[in-house]
Each structure stands twice: as C-alpha cells, then as structure tokens.
C-alpha cells in the first residue's frame, strides 16, 4: 500500500474503533459531542444539517481531528464515503485536511483530464500516472510524456464513480496529491496539451 494511503486507512480504522469502544465504555467514561453521518453518504456529498447528527462518544477513543460542531462540516464535501453513524474528521473532508499524513511539501493539485470518462474509474487513494500528450498527429507529431508518476487521487466529484458525471464546474475535475516539483509541471499542463490519467497498481 502506498505511503499516501496508510495514514487514511489508519484514521478510518481509528474512527471505527472509536465507535465500538464508545458502545462498550462504562457509564462513567468521559464523553464529548461528535459529528457523525446521519445516513450513508457517498464520496463528494455536500454536507448539510440533514446529513449530520451529533452524538456523545468516549473522548479517550477518538482521533484528534474528529469534528464536534456541525458548522465545521456544513457546506463541505466528503472526500470519502461515510456510513450512517460514522464520526467525521477533518481528513475526510475536501480541503487541507486531505493532506494529513502525507510527506512534507506535498500539495493538492486539481486536474481536468481530457478524457472525463476516466474519472468514473477513479476513487480516493487510487494511484495514477499523469500523462501530457502534445501534437495532433498531422502538422505536429504526437508526443506523450509522463509528468507525474504514482500520485494518489485525493478527491473525485460526487457521482463520478460508475455513474454519469455531475453537471457544473466541478464535473470532470479530480484532485491529486503531488510533490512541489510535480505540481509545477501539473499546474500548466492543460495549456500545453491534453492530460490523461493512467491507473497504476499499489
């Protein structure tokens, strides 16, 4: 498993343990309010008051980034699916928290692939090579170059996994984690040619 995926797996495991320990905790255990998913929520879901609940869970079993106030999550998007009753942490939301546990200097880079149907094959944690293709095969020969290798996908738009892409500015866009050196090449890639994402194994 790639280094980018291990912190996320550990965080989600800790949240699951938190729920089970809270259920088994003695009555005198100290509890704190925690924001949880009110129902099963897909990756990319925009959170609102109807999709959030607040429950009391044992504080000793909770990870440090768990949210206590629904206002911290309202209007934000889930980067990963959440089952009903799952505590929500900042690392599960689209934003700076997505980079929790990554190597120092890692940045989140939005990309708009030239073949948007590719996004239907992606999910958070999937590793991809980013390929820049230049030329049209007529006046200029096609030249394809890998400008970032094995970068993990951090976020895909809601409804893109196996379904038609959502309408709006966010459709067709993904966010990947990259080093600062890679981000410099990725940032201007769309102006230089076509961008393709190639799925790679762990």
N, C-alpha and C. Protein backbone atom coordinates (compact mmCIF):
# COMPACT_ATOMS: atom_id res chain seq x y z
N UNK A 1 0.86 -1.20 0.00
CA UNK A 1 0.00 0.00 0.00
C UNK A 1 0.88 1.23 0.00
N UNK A 2 0.56 2.19 -0.82
CA UNK A 2 1.36 3.40 -0.94
C UNK A 2 1.33 4.19 0.34
N UNK A 3 2.41 4.98 0.56
CA UNK A 3 2.53 5.75 1.79
C UNK A 3 1.39 6.73 1.98
N UNK A 4 0.81 7.22 0.87
CA UNK A 4 -0.27 8.19 0.98
C UNK A 4 -1.54 7.55 1.53
N UNK A 5 -1.71 6.23 1.32
CA UNK A 5 -2.94 5.58 1.70
C UNK A 5 -2.91 5.05 3.12
N UNK A 6 -1.71 4.81 3.68
CA UNK A 6 -1.63 4.24 5.01
C UNK A 6 -2.21 5.15 6.08
N UNK A 7 -1.88 6.48 6.10
CA UNK A 7 -2.48 7.34 7.14
C UNK A 7 -3.99 7.37 7.07
N UNK A 8 -4.56 7.36 5.84
CA UNK A 8 -6.01 7.38 5.71
C UNK A 8 -6.61 6.10 6.26
N UNK A 9 -6.01 4.95 5.92
CA UNK A 9 -6.53 3.68 6.41
C UNK A 9 -6.49 3.64 7.93
N UNK A 10 -5.39 4.16 8.50
CA UNK A 10 -5.26 4.18 9.95
C UNK A 10 -6.31 5.08 10.59
N UNK A 11 -6.56 6.22 9.96
CA UNK A 11 -7.55 7.16 10.50
C UNK A 11 -8.94 6.56 10.48
N UNK A 12 -9.31 5.92 9.37
CA UNK A 12 -10.63 5.31 9.27
C UNK A 12 -10.77 4.15 10.24
N UNK A 13 -9.69 3.39 10.44
CA UNK A 13 -9.73 2.29 11.41
C UNK A 13 -9.91 2.83 12.82
N UNK A 14 -9.24 3.96 13.11
CA UNK A 14 -9.37 4.56 14.44
C UNK A 14 -10.79 5.03 14.69
N UNK A 15 -11.45 5.57 13.65
CA UNK A 15 -12.83 6.01 13.80
C UNK A 15 -13.75 4.83 14.08
N UNK A 16 -13.50 3.71 13.41
CA UNK A 16 -14.32 2.53 13.64
C UNK A 16 -14.14 2.00 15.05
N UNK A 17 -12.89 2.02 15.51
CA UNK A 17 -12.61 1.58 16.88
C UNK A 17 -13.27 2.50 17.89
N UNK A 18 -13.27 3.81 17.57
CA UNK A 18 -13.88 4.78 18.48
C UNK A 18 -15.34 4.47 18.70
N UNK A 19 -16.04 4.14 17.63
CA UNK A 19 -17.48 3.84 17.76
C UNK A 19 -17.70 2.62 18.61
N UNK A 20 -16.92 1.55 18.35
CA UNK A 20 -17.12 0.31 19.09
C UNK A 20 -16.74 0.47 20.56
N UNK A 21 -15.66 1.19 20.82
CA UNK A 21 -15.25 1.39 22.22
C UNK A 21 -16.25 2.23 22.98
N UNK A 22 -16.82 3.21 22.29
CA UNK A 22 -17.81 4.05 22.95
C UNK A 22 -19.04 3.25 23.35
N UNK A 23 -19.41 2.29 22.51
CA UNK A 23 -20.57 1.47 22.82
C UNK A 23 -20.32 0.57 24.02
N UNK A 24 -19.04 0.19 24.21
CA UNK A 24 -18.69 -0.70 25.31
C UNK A 24 -18.21 0.03 26.55
N UNK A 25 -18.05 1.35 26.46
CA UNK A 25 -17.48 2.12 27.56
C UNK A 25 -18.41 2.12 28.76
N UNK A 26 -17.86 2.11 29.97
CA UNK A 26 -18.70 2.18 31.17
C UNK A 26 -19.39 3.53 31.25
N UNK A 27 -20.46 3.57 32.04
CA UNK A 27 -21.28 4.77 32.09
C UNK A 27 -20.52 5.99 32.59
N UNK A 28 -19.48 5.79 33.42
CA UNK A 28 -18.77 6.92 33.98
C UNK A 28 -17.68 7.45 33.05
N UNK A 29 -17.48 6.82 31.88
CA UNK A 29 -16.44 7.28 30.95
C UNK A 29 -16.79 8.68 30.45
N UNK A 30 -15.77 9.51 30.33
CA UNK A 30 -15.99 10.88 29.84
C UNK A 30 -16.34 10.85 28.36
N UNK A 31 -17.39 11.56 27.98
CA UNK A 31 -17.81 11.61 26.59
C UNK A 31 -17.81 13.06 26.10
N UNK A 32 -17.74 13.20 24.79
CA UNK A 32 -17.76 14.52 24.15
C UNK A 32 -18.69 14.45 22.95
N UNK A 33 -19.27 15.60 22.54
CA UNK A 33 -20.11 15.60 21.33
C UNK A 33 -19.27 15.39 20.08
N UNK A 34 -19.77 14.57 19.17
CA UNK A 34 -19.05 14.24 17.94
C UNK A 34 -20.03 14.29 16.77
N UNK A 35 -19.60 14.89 15.67
CA UNK A 35 -20.41 14.94 14.45
C UNK A 35 -20.30 13.59 13.73
N UNK A 36 -21.46 13.02 13.40
CA UNK A 36 -21.49 11.74 12.68
C UNK A 36 -22.40 11.87 11.46
N UNK A 37 -22.24 10.95 10.53
CA UNK A 37 -23.11 10.92 9.35
C UNK A 37 -24.50 10.45 9.75
N UNK A 38 -25.52 11.19 9.37
CA UNK A 38 -26.89 10.83 9.72
C UNK A 38 -27.41 9.68 8.87
N UNK A 39 -26.78 9.45 7.72
CA UNK A 39 -27.17 8.36 6.81
C UNK A 39 -25.95 7.99 5.98
N UNK A 40 -26.05 6.97 5.20
CA UNK A 40 -24.95 6.61 4.31
C UNK A 40 -24.74 7.73 3.30
N UNK A 41 -23.49 8.21 3.22
CA UNK A 41 -23.17 9.34 2.35
C UNK A 41 -22.08 8.94 1.35
N UNK A 42 -22.25 9.29 0.06
CA UNK A 42 -21.24 8.94 -0.93
C UNK A 42 -20.07 9.92 -0.93
N UNK A 43 -18.98 9.49 -1.52
CA UNK A 43 -17.85 10.39 -1.72
C UNK A 43 -18.30 11.59 -2.54
N UNK A 44 -17.88 12.80 -2.13
CA UNK A 44 -18.24 14.02 -2.85
C UNK A 44 -19.53 14.66 -2.38
N UNK A 45 -20.24 14.02 -1.44
CA UNK A 45 -21.50 14.58 -0.96
C UNK A 45 -21.27 15.91 -0.26
N UNK A 46 -22.13 16.89 -0.54
CA UNK A 46 -22.07 18.18 0.15
C UNK A 46 -22.87 18.04 1.45
N UNK A 47 -22.23 18.32 2.57
CA UNK A 47 -22.85 18.09 3.87
C UNK A 47 -23.77 19.25 4.26
N UNK A 48 -24.91 18.90 4.82
CA UNK A 48 -25.84 19.91 5.35
C UNK A 48 -26.41 19.38 6.66
N UNK A 49 -27.28 20.15 7.29
CA UNK A 49 -27.81 19.77 8.59
C UNK A 49 -28.58 18.46 8.54
N UNK A 50 -29.21 18.16 7.42
CA UNK A 50 -29.98 16.93 7.31
C UNK A 50 -29.08 15.69 7.21
N UNK A 51 -27.83 15.87 6.80
CA UNK A 51 -26.93 14.73 6.64
C UNK A 51 -26.02 14.53 7.84
N UNK A 52 -26.16 15.38 8.88
CA UNK A 52 -25.28 15.33 10.05
C UNK A 52 -26.07 15.14 11.34
N UNK A 53 -25.50 14.39 12.27
CA UNK A 53 -26.03 14.25 13.62
C UNK A 53 -24.89 14.53 14.61
N UNK A 54 -25.25 14.78 15.86
CA UNK A 54 -24.26 14.92 16.92
C UNK A 54 -24.59 13.91 18.00
N UNK A 55 -23.60 13.07 18.36
CA UNK A 55 -23.79 12.06 19.39
C UNK A 55 -22.66 12.19 20.41
N UNK A 56 -22.86 11.58 21.57
CA UNK A 56 -21.84 11.56 22.61
C UNK A 56 -21.03 10.28 22.50
N UNK A 57 -19.70 10.41 22.38
CA UNK A 57 -18.81 9.27 22.31
C UNK A 57 -17.69 9.42 23.33
N UNK A 58 -17.09 8.31 23.73
CA UNK A 58 -16.00 8.34 24.70
C UNK A 58 -14.81 9.11 24.14
N UNK A 59 -14.39 10.14 24.83
CA UNK A 59 -13.32 11.01 24.33
C UNK A 59 -11.99 10.28 24.20
N UNK A 60 -11.72 9.31 25.06
CA UNK A 60 -10.43 8.61 25.02
C UNK A 60 -10.25 7.79 23.76
N UNK A 61 -11.35 7.46 23.08
CA UNK A 61 -11.27 6.60 21.91
C UNK A 61 -11.28 7.36 20.59
N UNK A 62 -11.30 8.70 20.66
CA UNK A 62 -11.48 9.49 19.44
C UNK A 62 -10.15 9.99 18.89
N UNK A 63 -10.01 10.05 17.56
CA UNK A 63 -8.81 10.66 16.95
C UNK A 63 -8.85 12.17 17.12
N UNK A 64 -7.70 12.83 17.03
CA UNK A 64 -7.64 14.27 17.32
C UNK A 64 -8.37 15.16 16.32
N UNK A 65 -8.62 14.68 15.10
CA UNK A 65 -9.22 15.57 14.10
C UNK A 65 -10.74 15.44 14.03
N UNK A 66 -11.36 14.68 14.94
CA UNK A 66 -12.80 14.48 14.89
C UNK A 66 -13.52 15.81 15.10
N UNK A 67 -14.65 16.00 14.40
CA UNK A 67 -15.39 17.26 14.46
C UNK A 67 -16.43 17.22 15.58
N UNK A 68 -16.57 18.33 16.29
CA UNK A 68 -17.52 18.42 17.39
C UNK A 68 -18.71 19.32 17.05
N UNK A 69 -18.56 20.19 16.08
CA UNK A 69 -19.60 21.16 15.75
C UNK A 69 -20.03 20.96 14.29
N UNK A 70 -21.33 20.74 14.03
CA UNK A 70 -21.79 20.55 12.65
C UNK A 70 -21.42 21.72 11.74
N UNK A 71 -21.27 22.92 12.30
CA UNK A 71 -20.92 24.08 11.49
C UNK A 71 -19.55 23.91 10.83
N UNK A 72 -18.68 23.08 11.44
CA UNK A 72 -17.36 22.84 10.86
C UNK A 72 -17.45 22.01 9.58
N UNK A 73 -18.54 21.26 9.43
CA UNK A 73 -18.68 20.38 8.27
C UNK A 73 -19.72 20.88 7.27
N UNK A 74 -20.68 21.68 7.71
CA UNK A 74 -21.75 22.13 6.83
C UNK A 74 -21.19 22.88 5.62
N UNK A 75 -21.65 22.48 4.44
CA UNK A 75 -21.20 23.11 3.20
C UNK A 75 -19.94 22.50 2.63
N UNK A 76 -19.29 21.62 3.39
CA UNK A 76 -18.06 20.97 2.91
C UNK A 76 -18.42 19.69 2.17
N UNK A 77 -17.47 19.15 1.43
CA UNK A 77 -17.69 17.92 0.67
C UNK A 77 -16.89 16.78 1.25
N UNK A 78 -17.50 15.60 1.26
CA UNK A 78 -16.81 14.41 1.71
C UNK A 78 -15.83 13.92 0.65
N UNK A 79 -14.62 13.64 1.07
CA UNK A 79 -13.64 13.07 0.14
C UNK A 79 -13.77 11.56 0.06
N UNK A 80 -14.42 10.96 1.06
CA UNK A 80 -14.56 9.51 1.14
C UNK A 80 -15.99 9.18 1.57
N UNK A 81 -16.52 8.04 1.18
CA UNK A 81 -17.86 7.68 1.63
C UNK A 81 -17.90 7.46 3.13
N UNK A 82 -19.05 7.73 3.74
CA UNK A 82 -19.23 7.54 5.18
C UNK A 82 -20.53 6.80 5.42
N UNK A 83 -20.48 5.78 6.24
CA UNK A 83 -21.69 5.04 6.58
C UNK A 83 -22.43 5.75 7.71
N UNK A 84 -23.72 5.50 7.84
CA UNK A 84 -24.52 6.12 8.88
C UNK A 84 -23.92 5.86 10.25
N UNK A 85 -23.77 6.92 11.05
CA UNK A 85 -23.22 6.79 12.38
C UNK A 85 -21.72 6.94 12.46
N UNK A 86 -21.04 7.04 11.32
CA UNK A 86 -19.58 7.18 11.32
C UNK A 86 -19.17 8.58 11.78
N UNK A 87 -18.24 8.70 12.74
CA UNK A 87 -17.73 10.02 13.12
C UNK A 87 -16.99 10.65 11.94
N UNK A 88 -17.09 11.97 11.83
CA UNK A 88 -16.44 12.68 10.74
C UNK A 88 -15.23 13.44 11.26
N UNK A 89 -14.10 13.30 10.55
CA UNK A 89 -12.88 14.02 10.88
C UNK A 89 -12.48 14.94 9.76
N UNK A 90 -11.63 15.90 10.05
CA UNK A 90 -11.23 16.88 9.03
C UNK A 90 -10.54 16.23 7.85
N UNK A 91 -9.85 15.09 8.06
CA UNK A 91 -9.15 14.42 6.96
C UNK A 91 -10.11 13.78 5.98
N UNK A 92 -11.40 13.68 6.35
CA UNK A 92 -12.40 13.09 5.46
C UNK A 92 -13.06 14.12 4.57
N UNK A 93 -12.74 15.40 4.77
CA UNK A 93 -13.38 16.46 4.02
C UNK A 93 -12.43 17.04 2.97
N UNK A 94 -13.01 17.47 1.85
CA UNK A 94 -12.20 18.12 0.81
C UNK A 94 -11.63 19.41 1.38
N UNK A 95 -10.33 19.59 1.25
CA UNK A 95 -9.67 20.76 1.80
C UNK A 95 -8.29 20.39 2.31
N UNK A 96 -7.65 21.26 3.10
CA UNK A 96 -6.30 21.00 3.59
C UNK A 96 -6.18 19.70 4.36
N UNK A 97 -7.27 19.27 5.02
CA UNK A 97 -7.22 18.04 5.80
C UNK A 97 -6.93 16.81 4.96
N UNK A 98 -7.17 16.88 3.66
CA UNK A 98 -6.91 15.75 2.78
C UNK A 98 -5.43 15.37 2.75
N UNK A 99 -4.56 16.31 3.10
CA UNK A 99 -3.13 16.06 3.03
C UNK A 99 -2.57 15.55 4.35
N UNK A 100 -3.44 15.29 5.32
CA UNK A 100 -2.99 14.77 6.61
C UNK A 100 -2.21 13.48 6.42
N UNK A 101 -1.01 13.42 6.98
CA UNK A 101 -0.20 12.21 6.93
C UNK A 101 0.67 12.06 5.71
N UNK A 102 0.58 12.99 4.75
CA UNK A 102 1.42 12.89 3.55
C UNK A 102 2.81 13.43 3.85
N UNK A 103 3.73 13.21 2.93
CA UNK A 103 5.10 13.67 3.09
C UNK A 103 5.14 15.20 3.15
N UNK A 104 6.08 15.77 3.94
CA UNK A 104 6.22 17.23 3.97
C UNK A 104 6.43 17.79 2.56
N UNK A 105 5.78 18.90 2.25
CA UNK A 105 5.91 19.51 0.94
C UNK A 105 4.88 19.03 -0.06
N UNK A 106 4.04 18.06 0.32
CA UNK A 106 3.01 17.57 -0.58
C UNK A 106 1.90 18.62 -0.73
N UNK A 107 1.40 18.79 -1.94
CA UNK A 107 0.33 19.76 -2.19
C UNK A 107 -0.81 19.07 -2.93
N UNK A 108 -2.00 19.65 -2.82
CA UNK A 108 -3.17 19.13 -3.54
C UNK A 108 -3.31 19.90 -4.85
N UNK A 109 -3.38 19.16 -5.96
CA UNK A 109 -3.41 19.78 -7.28
C UNK A 109 -4.68 19.36 -8.03
N UNK A 110 -5.53 20.30 -8.44
CA UNK A 110 -6.71 19.95 -9.25
C UNK A 110 -6.31 19.73 -10.71
N UNK A 111 -6.90 18.70 -11.31
CA UNK A 111 -6.64 18.38 -12.71
C UNK A 111 -7.96 18.16 -13.43
N UNK A 112 -8.00 18.51 -14.70
CA UNK A 112 -9.18 18.24 -15.52
C UNK A 112 -8.72 17.36 -16.69
N UNK A 113 -8.90 16.04 -16.57
CA UNK A 113 -8.44 15.15 -17.64
C UNK A 113 -9.16 15.42 -18.96
N UNK A 114 -8.45 15.20 -20.05
CA UNK A 114 -9.04 15.41 -21.37
C UNK A 114 -10.08 14.34 -21.70
N UNK A 115 -9.97 13.18 -21.05
CA UNK A 115 -10.97 12.13 -21.21
C UNK A 115 -11.74 12.01 -19.90
N UNK A 116 -12.84 12.77 -19.72
CA UNK A 116 -13.55 12.80 -18.44
C UNK A 116 -14.13 11.46 -18.04
N UNK A 117 -14.34 10.54 -18.99
CA UNK A 117 -14.89 9.24 -18.63
C UNK A 117 -13.94 8.46 -17.75
N UNK A 118 -12.65 8.81 -17.79
CA UNK A 118 -11.67 8.15 -16.93
C UNK A 118 -12.02 8.33 -15.46
N UNK A 119 -12.63 9.45 -15.12
CA UNK A 119 -12.92 9.75 -13.71
C UNK A 119 -13.87 8.72 -13.12
N UNK A 120 -14.72 8.12 -13.96
CA UNK A 120 -15.62 7.09 -13.48
C UNK A 120 -14.91 5.86 -12.95
N UNK A 121 -13.61 5.72 -13.27
CA UNK A 121 -12.82 4.58 -12.80
C UNK A 121 -12.03 4.92 -11.55
N UNK A 122 -12.08 6.17 -11.12
CA UNK A 122 -11.23 6.63 -10.03
C UNK A 122 -11.98 6.71 -8.71
N UNK A 123 -11.21 6.62 -7.64
CA UNK A 123 -11.71 6.85 -6.30
C UNK A 123 -10.55 7.33 -5.45
N UNK A 124 -10.82 7.94 -4.30
CA UNK A 124 -9.74 8.40 -3.42
C UNK A 124 -8.79 7.26 -3.06
N UNK A 125 -7.50 7.53 -3.17
CA UNK A 125 -6.48 6.52 -2.88
C UNK A 125 -5.94 5.83 -4.11
N UNK A 126 -6.67 5.88 -5.23
CA UNK A 126 -6.18 5.26 -6.46
C UNK A 126 -4.92 5.98 -6.95
N UNK A 127 -3.89 5.22 -7.30
CA UNK A 127 -2.65 5.80 -7.83
C UNK A 127 -2.76 5.96 -9.35
N UNK A 128 -2.27 7.10 -9.85
CA UNK A 128 -2.31 7.36 -11.28
C UNK A 128 -0.99 7.96 -11.75
N UNK A 129 -0.67 7.71 -13.01
CA UNK A 129 0.37 8.45 -13.72
C UNK A 129 -0.33 9.54 -14.51
N UNK A 130 0.21 10.74 -14.49
CA UNK A 130 -0.36 11.85 -15.26
C UNK A 130 0.47 12.02 -16.52
N UNK A 131 -0.19 11.86 -17.68
CA UNK A 131 0.50 11.90 -18.97
C UNK A 131 0.05 13.13 -19.74
N UNK A 132 1.02 13.89 -20.24
CA UNK A 132 0.74 15.06 -21.08
C UNK A 132 0.99 14.67 -22.54
N UNK A 133 -0.04 14.82 -23.36
CA UNK A 133 0.08 14.50 -24.78
C UNK A 133 0.01 15.78 -25.60
N UNK A 134 1.02 16.00 -26.43
CA UNK A 134 1.10 17.20 -27.27
C UNK A 134 1.17 16.80 -28.73
N UNK A 135 0.68 17.68 -29.61
CA UNK A 135 0.67 17.40 -31.04
C UNK A 135 -0.67 16.83 -31.48
N UNK A 136 -0.92 16.87 -32.78
CA UNK A 136 -2.21 16.40 -33.31
C UNK A 136 -2.07 15.24 -34.29
N UNK A 137 -0.84 14.82 -34.55
CA UNK A 137 -0.63 13.71 -35.48
C UNK A 137 -0.61 14.13 -36.92
N UNK A 138 -0.80 15.42 -37.20
CA UNK A 138 -0.79 15.92 -38.57
C UNK A 138 0.36 16.91 -38.73
N UNK A 139 0.09 18.19 -38.43
CA UNK A 139 1.16 19.17 -38.54
C UNK A 139 2.29 18.90 -37.53
N UNK A 140 1.90 18.31 -36.41
CA UNK A 140 2.88 18.06 -35.35
C UNK A 140 2.69 16.65 -34.82
N UNK A 141 3.77 15.89 -34.77
CA UNK A 141 3.69 14.51 -34.28
C UNK A 141 3.26 14.49 -32.81
N UNK A 142 2.50 13.46 -32.47
CA UNK A 142 2.05 13.31 -31.09
C UNK A 142 3.22 12.88 -30.21
N UNK A 143 3.38 13.59 -29.10
CA UNK A 143 4.45 13.28 -28.15
C UNK A 143 3.82 13.22 -26.76
N UNK A 144 3.92 12.06 -26.11
CA UNK A 144 3.34 11.87 -24.78
C UNK A 144 4.44 11.71 -23.74
N UNK A 145 4.29 12.45 -22.64
CA UNK A 145 5.30 12.45 -21.57
C UNK A 145 4.61 12.29 -20.22
N UNK A 146 5.15 11.41 -19.39
CA UNK A 146 4.64 11.27 -18.02
C UNK A 146 5.21 12.40 -17.18
N UNK A 147 4.35 13.27 -16.66
CA UNK A 147 4.82 14.43 -15.90
C UNK A 147 4.65 14.24 -14.39
N UNK A 148 3.98 13.19 -13.98
CA UNK A 148 3.88 12.84 -12.56
C UNK A 148 3.58 11.35 -12.47
N UNK A 149 4.31 10.65 -11.59
CA UNK A 149 4.17 9.20 -11.50
C UNK A 149 3.61 8.78 -10.15
N UNK A 150 2.66 7.87 -10.20
CA UNK A 150 2.12 7.22 -9.00
C UNK A 150 1.65 8.23 -7.96
N UNK A 151 0.91 9.23 -8.41
CA UNK A 151 0.34 10.19 -7.46
C UNK A 151 -1.05 9.71 -7.04
N UNK A 152 -1.41 9.83 -5.76
CA UNK A 152 -2.71 9.34 -5.30
C UNK A 152 -3.82 10.34 -5.55
N UNK A 153 -4.97 9.83 -5.92
CA UNK A 153 -6.17 10.66 -6.07
C UNK A 153 -6.69 11.00 -4.67
N UNK A 154 -6.93 12.28 -4.41
CA UNK A 154 -7.47 12.71 -3.13
C UNK A 154 -8.99 12.86 -3.18
N UNK A 155 -9.51 13.26 -4.33
CA UNK A 155 -10.94 13.57 -4.41
C UNK A 155 -11.41 13.45 -5.85
N UNK A 156 -12.64 12.96 -5.99
CA UNK A 156 -13.32 12.93 -7.29
C UNK A 156 -14.69 13.56 -7.10
N UNK A 157 -15.31 14.12 -8.14
CA UNK A 157 -16.61 14.77 -7.97
C UNK A 157 -17.70 13.77 -7.60
N UNK A 158 -18.70 14.24 -6.90
CA UNK A 158 -19.81 13.40 -6.47
C UNK A 158 -20.50 12.77 -7.66
N UNK A 159 -20.77 11.46 -7.53
CA UNK A 159 -21.50 10.78 -8.59
C UNK A 159 -20.64 10.30 -9.73
N UNK A 160 -19.30 10.52 -9.66
CA UNK A 160 -18.47 10.14 -10.80
C UNK A 160 -18.11 8.67 -10.80
N UNK A 161 -18.18 8.02 -9.64
CA UNK A 161 -17.76 6.62 -9.57
C UNK A 161 -18.82 5.70 -10.15
N UNK A 162 -18.63 5.32 -11.40
CA UNK A 162 -19.54 4.40 -12.04
C UNK A 162 -20.85 5.01 -12.50
N UNK A 163 -21.01 6.32 -12.45
CA UNK A 163 -22.23 6.97 -12.90
C UNK A 163 -21.86 8.14 -13.79
N UNK A 164 -22.89 8.79 -14.36
CA UNK A 164 -22.62 9.99 -15.16
C UNK A 164 -22.07 11.09 -14.27
N UNK A 165 -21.19 11.88 -14.81
CA UNK A 165 -20.61 12.98 -14.05
C UNK A 165 -21.65 14.03 -13.74
N UNK A 166 -21.46 14.66 -12.57
CA UNK A 166 -22.36 15.74 -12.19
C UNK A 166 -22.19 16.92 -13.14
N UNK A 167 -23.24 17.70 -13.30
CA UNK A 167 -23.13 18.93 -14.06
C UNK A 167 -22.51 19.99 -13.17
N UNK A 168 -21.91 21.01 -13.79
CA UNK A 168 -21.32 22.08 -13.01
C UNK A 168 -19.83 22.16 -13.21
N UNK A 169 -19.23 23.18 -12.60
CA UNK A 169 -17.81 23.45 -12.81
C UNK A 169 -16.91 22.35 -12.26
N UNK A 170 -17.39 21.62 -11.22
CA UNK A 170 -16.55 20.61 -10.60
C UNK A 170 -16.54 19.30 -11.37
N UNK A 171 -17.51 19.11 -12.27
CA UNK A 171 -17.54 17.86 -13.01
C UNK A 171 -16.32 17.79 -13.91
N UNK A 172 -15.75 16.58 -14.02
CA UNK A 172 -14.58 16.41 -14.86
C UNK A 172 -13.28 16.81 -14.19
N UNK A 173 -13.33 17.20 -12.92
CA UNK A 173 -12.12 17.60 -12.22
C UNK A 173 -11.81 16.63 -11.10
N UNK A 174 -10.53 16.32 -10.92
CA UNK A 174 -10.09 15.50 -9.80
C UNK A 174 -8.98 16.25 -9.07
N UNK A 175 -8.71 15.83 -7.84
CA UNK A 175 -7.62 16.42 -7.06
C UNK A 175 -6.64 15.32 -6.70
N UNK A 176 -5.36 15.56 -6.97
CA UNK A 176 -4.33 14.57 -6.66
C UNK A 176 -3.31 15.19 -5.70
N UNK A 177 -2.59 14.33 -5.00
CA UNK A 177 -1.50 14.77 -4.12
C UNK A 177 -0.19 14.66 -4.89
N UNK A 178 0.60 15.71 -4.87
CA UNK A 178 1.85 15.71 -5.63
C UNK A 178 2.92 16.48 -4.88
N UNK A 179 4.16 16.20 -5.22
CA UNK A 179 5.27 16.98 -4.65
C UNK A 179 5.27 18.37 -5.27
N UNK A 180 5.97 19.29 -4.66
CA UNK A 180 6.03 20.65 -5.22
C UNK A 180 6.66 20.65 -6.61
N UNK A 181 7.64 19.79 -6.84
CA UNK A 181 8.26 19.71 -8.16
C UNK A 181 7.24 19.23 -9.18
N UNK A 182 6.48 18.19 -8.84
CA UNK A 182 5.46 17.69 -9.76
C UNK A 182 4.35 18.71 -9.98
N UNK A 183 4.00 19.44 -8.92
CA UNK A 183 2.90 20.40 -9.04
C UNK A 183 3.22 21.50 -10.04
N UNK A 184 4.48 21.88 -10.15
CA UNK A 184 4.87 22.91 -11.11
C UNK A 184 4.61 22.44 -12.54
N UNK A 185 4.86 21.16 -12.80
CA UNK A 185 4.61 20.61 -14.14
C UNK A 185 3.11 20.41 -14.37
N UNK A 186 2.38 20.05 -13.32
CA UNK A 186 0.96 19.77 -13.47
C UNK A 186 0.14 21.04 -13.64
N UNK A 187 0.55 22.12 -12.97
CA UNK A 187 -0.26 23.34 -12.93
C UNK A 187 -0.54 23.91 -14.32
N UNK A 188 0.44 23.90 -15.20
CA UNK A 188 0.25 24.49 -16.52
C UNK A 188 0.07 23.47 -17.62
N UNK A 189 -0.15 22.21 -17.25
CA UNK A 189 -0.19 21.15 -18.26
C UNK A 189 -1.35 21.33 -19.24
N UNK A 190 -2.50 21.76 -18.75
CA UNK A 190 -3.68 21.87 -19.62
C UNK A 190 -3.46 22.89 -20.73
N UNK A 191 -2.60 23.88 -20.49
CA UNK A 191 -2.34 24.90 -21.51
C UNK A 191 -1.35 24.39 -22.57
N UNK A 192 -0.66 23.29 -22.27
CA UNK A 192 0.36 22.79 -23.19
C UNK A 192 -0.12 21.60 -24.03
N UNK A 193 -1.20 20.98 -23.60
CA UNK A 193 -1.67 19.81 -24.34
C UNK A 193 -2.81 19.13 -23.62
N UNK A 194 -3.00 17.85 -23.93
CA UNK A 194 -4.08 17.08 -23.34
C UNK A 194 -3.56 16.25 -22.17
N UNK A 195 -4.38 16.15 -21.11
CA UNK A 195 -3.98 15.45 -19.91
C UNK A 195 -4.73 14.12 -19.82
N UNK A 196 -3.99 13.05 -19.56
CA UNK A 196 -4.59 11.74 -19.40
C UNK A 196 -4.12 11.13 -18.08
N UNK A 197 -5.01 10.40 -17.42
CA UNK A 197 -4.67 9.73 -16.17
C UNK A 197 -4.63 8.23 -16.44
N UNK A 198 -3.50 7.61 -16.07
CA UNK A 198 -3.32 6.18 -16.26
C UNK A 198 -3.32 5.51 -14.90
N UNK A 199 -4.25 4.57 -14.67
CA UNK A 199 -4.34 3.90 -13.39
C UNK A 199 -3.17 2.94 -13.22
N UNK A 200 -2.55 2.95 -12.04
CA UNK A 200 -1.44 2.06 -11.74
C UNK A 200 -1.73 1.34 -10.42
N UNK A 201 -1.09 0.19 -10.23
CA UNK A 201 -1.29 -0.60 -9.02
C UNK A 201 -0.47 -0.08 -7.86
N UNK A 202 -0.74 -0.60 -6.65
CA UNK A 202 0.00 -0.18 -5.45
C UNK A 202 1.44 -0.63 -5.48
